[in-house]
Amino acid sequence: MTNWFDAAINWQKQLLDTQRSALEAGRHATDASAALIAAQEATRRAGEANMAAWQAWAHLWRAGPW
């Protein structure tokens, strides 16, 4: 009977270790996606700044209706 209890306890420990590993992997994925979102936001802001500069230049030279 002791072997059965030991096996059940070991199995539960393995399940907990697996769940901890899955949580850690999820944490890494969340951190990576946060960095990706920050990079995309920075790219968007840079694009908006570039567009504003081109619009100002075009307005200065009357090259467009902006």
N, C-alpha and C. Protein backbone atom coordinates (compact mmCIF):
# COMPACT_ATOMS: atom_id res chain seq x y z
N MET A 1 0.82 -1.19 0.00
CA MET A 1 0.00 0.00 0.00
C MET A 1 0.87 1.26 0.00
N THR A 2 2.01 1.21 0.66
CA THR A 2 2.90 2.36 0.72
C THR A 2 3.39 2.74 -0.67
N ASN A 3 3.69 1.74 -1.50
CA ASN A 3 4.16 2.03 -2.86
C ASN A 3 3.10 2.78 -3.66
N TRP A 4 1.83 2.43 -3.44
CA TRP A 4 0.75 3.10 -4.15
C TRP A 4 0.67 4.57 -3.72
N PHE A 5 0.77 4.82 -2.43
CA PHE A 5 0.75 6.20 -1.92
C PHE A 5 1.96 6.99 -2.43
N ASP A 6 3.12 6.36 -2.40
CA ASP A 6 4.32 7.03 -2.91
C ASP A 6 4.16 7.37 -4.39
N ALA A 7 3.61 6.43 -5.14
CA ALA A 7 3.41 6.67 -6.57
C ALA A 7 2.41 7.81 -6.79
N ALA A 8 1.35 7.84 -6.00
CA ALA A 8 0.35 8.91 -6.14
C ALA A 8 0.96 10.27 -5.77
N ILE A 9 1.75 10.31 -4.72
CA ILE A 9 2.39 11.56 -4.31
C ILE A 9 3.39 12.03 -5.37
N ASN A 10 4.17 11.10 -5.90
CA ASN A 10 5.13 11.45 -6.96
C ASN A 10 4.41 11.97 -8.20
N TRP A 11 3.28 11.33 -8.53
CA TRP A 11 2.50 11.76 -9.69
C TRP A 11 1.98 13.17 -9.47
N GLN A 12 1.49 13.47 -8.29
CA GLN A 12 1.00 14.82 -7.99
C GLN A 12 2.13 15.85 -8.04
N LYS A 13 3.31 15.46 -7.56
CA LYS A 13 4.46 16.36 -7.64
C LYS A 13 4.81 16.66 -9.10
N GLN A 14 4.74 15.63 -9.94
CA GLN A 14 5.03 15.82 -11.36
C GLN A 14 3.99 16.75 -12.00
N LEU A 15 2.73 16.57 -11.62
CA LEU A 15 1.69 17.46 -12.14
C LEU A 15 1.94 18.91 -11.72
N LEU A 16 2.29 19.11 -10.47
CA LEU A 16 2.58 20.47 -9.99
C LEU A 16 3.78 21.07 -10.71
N ASP A 17 4.82 20.27 -10.91
CA ASP A 17 6.00 20.75 -11.64
C ASP A 17 5.63 21.13 -13.07
N THR A 18 4.78 20.32 -13.69
CA THR A 18 4.34 20.61 -15.06
C THR A 18 3.54 21.90 -15.10
N GLN A 19 2.66 22.08 -14.13
CA GLN A 19 1.87 23.32 -14.07
C GLN A 19 2.76 24.54 -13.82
N ARG A 20 3.75 24.39 -12.97
CA ARG A 20 4.69 25.51 -12.74
C ARG A 20 5.44 25.85 -14.01
N SER A 21 5.86 24.83 -14.74
CA SER A 21 6.57 25.07 -16.00
C SER A 21 5.67 25.77 -17.01
N ALA A 22 4.40 25.36 -17.07
CA ALA A 22 3.46 25.99 -17.99
C ALA A 22 3.23 27.46 -17.61
N LEU A 23 3.11 27.73 -16.32
CA LEU A 23 2.95 29.11 -15.87
C LEU A 23 4.17 29.96 -16.21
N GLU A 24 5.34 29.40 -16.02
CA GLU A 24 6.57 30.13 -16.33
C GLU A 24 6.67 30.41 -17.83
N ALA A 25 6.30 29.43 -18.65
CA ALA A 25 6.31 29.64 -20.10
C ALA A 25 5.31 30.73 -20.48
N GLY A 26 4.16 30.73 -19.85
CA GLY A 26 3.17 31.77 -20.11
C GLY A 26 3.68 33.14 -19.70
N ARG A 27 4.39 33.20 -18.60
CA ARG A 27 4.97 34.46 -18.14
C ARG A 27 5.98 34.99 -19.16
N HIS A 28 6.82 34.09 -19.68
CA HIS A 28 7.80 34.51 -20.69
C HIS A 28 7.09 35.01 -21.95
N ALA A 29 6.04 34.31 -22.36
CA ALA A 29 5.30 34.72 -23.55
C ALA A 29 4.66 36.09 -23.34
N THR A 30 4.12 36.32 -22.16
CA THR A 30 3.51 37.62 -21.85
C THR A 30 4.56 38.73 -21.89
N ASP A 31 5.73 38.47 -21.31
CA ASP A 31 6.80 39.47 -21.33
C ASP A 31 7.23 39.78 -22.76
N ALA A 32 7.35 38.73 -23.57
CA ALA A 32 7.77 38.93 -24.96
C ALA A 32 6.71 39.71 -25.73
N SER A 33 5.45 39.41 -25.51
CA SER A 33 4.40 40.14 -26.23
C SER A 33 4.33 41.60 -25.77
N ALA A 34 4.61 41.86 -24.52
CA ALA A 34 4.63 43.25 -24.04
C ALA A 34 5.73 44.04 -24.74
N ALA A 35 6.88 43.43 -24.92
CA ALA A 35 7.98 44.09 -25.63
C ALA A 35 7.62 44.32 -27.09
N LEU A 36 6.95 43.36 -27.71
CA LEU A 36 6.53 43.51 -29.10
C LEU A 36 5.51 44.64 -29.24
N ILE A 37 4.57 44.71 -28.33
CA ILE A 37 3.57 45.79 -28.36
C ILE A 37 4.25 47.15 -28.20
N ALA A 38 5.20 47.24 -27.30
CA ALA A 38 5.93 48.50 -27.11
C ALA A 38 6.67 48.90 -28.38
N ALA A 39 7.28 47.93 -29.05
CA ALA A 39 7.99 48.21 -30.30
C ALA A 39 7.02 48.67 -31.38
N GLN A 40 5.86 48.03 -31.46
CA GLN A 40 4.87 48.44 -32.46
C GLN A 40 4.35 49.85 -32.18
N GLU A 41 4.14 50.18 -30.92
CA GLU A 41 3.70 51.53 -30.57
C GLU A 41 4.77 52.56 -30.93
N ALA A 42 6.03 52.23 -30.67
CA ALA A 42 7.13 53.14 -31.03
C ALA A 42 7.19 53.34 -32.54
N THR A 43 6.98 52.26 -33.30
CA THR A 43 6.97 52.35 -34.75
C THR A 43 5.82 53.24 -35.23
N ARG A 44 4.66 53.09 -34.61
CA ARG A 44 3.51 53.92 -34.97
C ARG A 44 3.80 55.39 -34.70
N ARG A 45 4.36 55.68 -33.54
CA ARG A 45 4.67 57.08 -33.20
C ARG A 45 5.72 57.65 -34.16
N ALA A 46 6.70 56.85 -34.52
CA ALA A 46 7.72 57.31 -35.47
C ALA A 46 7.09 57.59 -36.83
N GLY A 47 6.19 56.73 -37.25
CA GLY A 47 5.49 56.95 -38.52
C GLY A 47 4.66 58.22 -38.50
N GLU A 48 3.97 58.46 -37.40
CA GLU A 48 3.17 59.68 -37.27
C GLU A 48 4.07 60.92 -37.29
N ALA A 49 5.20 60.86 -36.62
CA ALA A 49 6.14 61.99 -36.62
C ALA A 49 6.69 62.22 -38.02
N ASN A 50 7.00 61.15 -38.73
CA ASN A 50 7.51 61.27 -40.09
C ASN A 50 6.46 61.90 -41.00
N MET A 51 5.21 61.47 -40.86
CA MET A 51 4.13 62.03 -41.67
C MET A 51 3.94 63.52 -41.36
N ALA A 52 4.01 63.88 -40.09
CA ALA A 52 3.87 65.29 -39.72
C ALA A 52 5.00 66.12 -40.32
N ALA A 53 6.21 65.59 -40.33
CA ALA A 53 7.34 66.31 -40.91
C ALA A 53 7.15 66.50 -42.41
N TRP A 54 6.70 65.45 -43.11
CA TRP A 54 6.46 65.56 -44.55
C TRP A 54 5.32 66.53 -44.84
N GLN A 55 4.29 66.52 -44.01
CA GLN A 55 3.19 67.46 -44.22
C GLN A 55 3.66 68.90 -44.02
N ALA A 56 4.48 69.11 -43.01
CA ALA A 56 5.02 70.46 -42.78
C ALA A 56 5.89 70.90 -43.94
N TRP A 57 6.71 70.00 -44.45
CA TRP A 57 7.57 70.32 -45.59
C TRP A 57 6.73 70.63 -46.82
N ALA A 58 5.72 69.81 -47.06
CA ALA A 58 4.86 70.02 -48.23
C ALA A 58 4.08 71.33 -48.10
N HIS A 59 3.63 71.62 -46.90
CA HIS A 59 2.90 72.87 -46.69
C HIS A 59 3.84 74.07 -46.89
N LEU A 60 5.07 73.94 -46.44
CA LEU A 60 6.05 75.01 -46.61
C LEU A 60 6.26 75.32 -48.08
N TRP A 61 6.36 74.28 -48.90
CA TRP A 61 6.61 74.45 -50.33
C TRP A 61 5.33 74.44 -51.15
N ARG A 62 4.20 74.39 -50.48
CA ARG A 62 2.90 74.36 -51.15
C ARG A 62 2.81 73.23 -52.16
N ALA A 63 3.36 72.09 -51.77
CA ALA A 63 3.40 70.96 -52.68
C ALA A 63 2.16 70.08 -52.57
N GLY A 64 1.29 70.37 -51.64
CA GLY A 64 0.12 69.53 -51.50
C GLY A 64 -0.96 70.23 -50.70
N PRO A 65 -2.13 69.65 -50.67
CA PRO A 65 -3.26 70.27 -49.99
C PRO A 65 -3.27 70.05 -48.48
N TRP A 66 -2.20 69.50 -47.92
CA TRP A 66 -2.20 69.17 -46.50
C TRP A 66 -2.11 70.42 -45.70
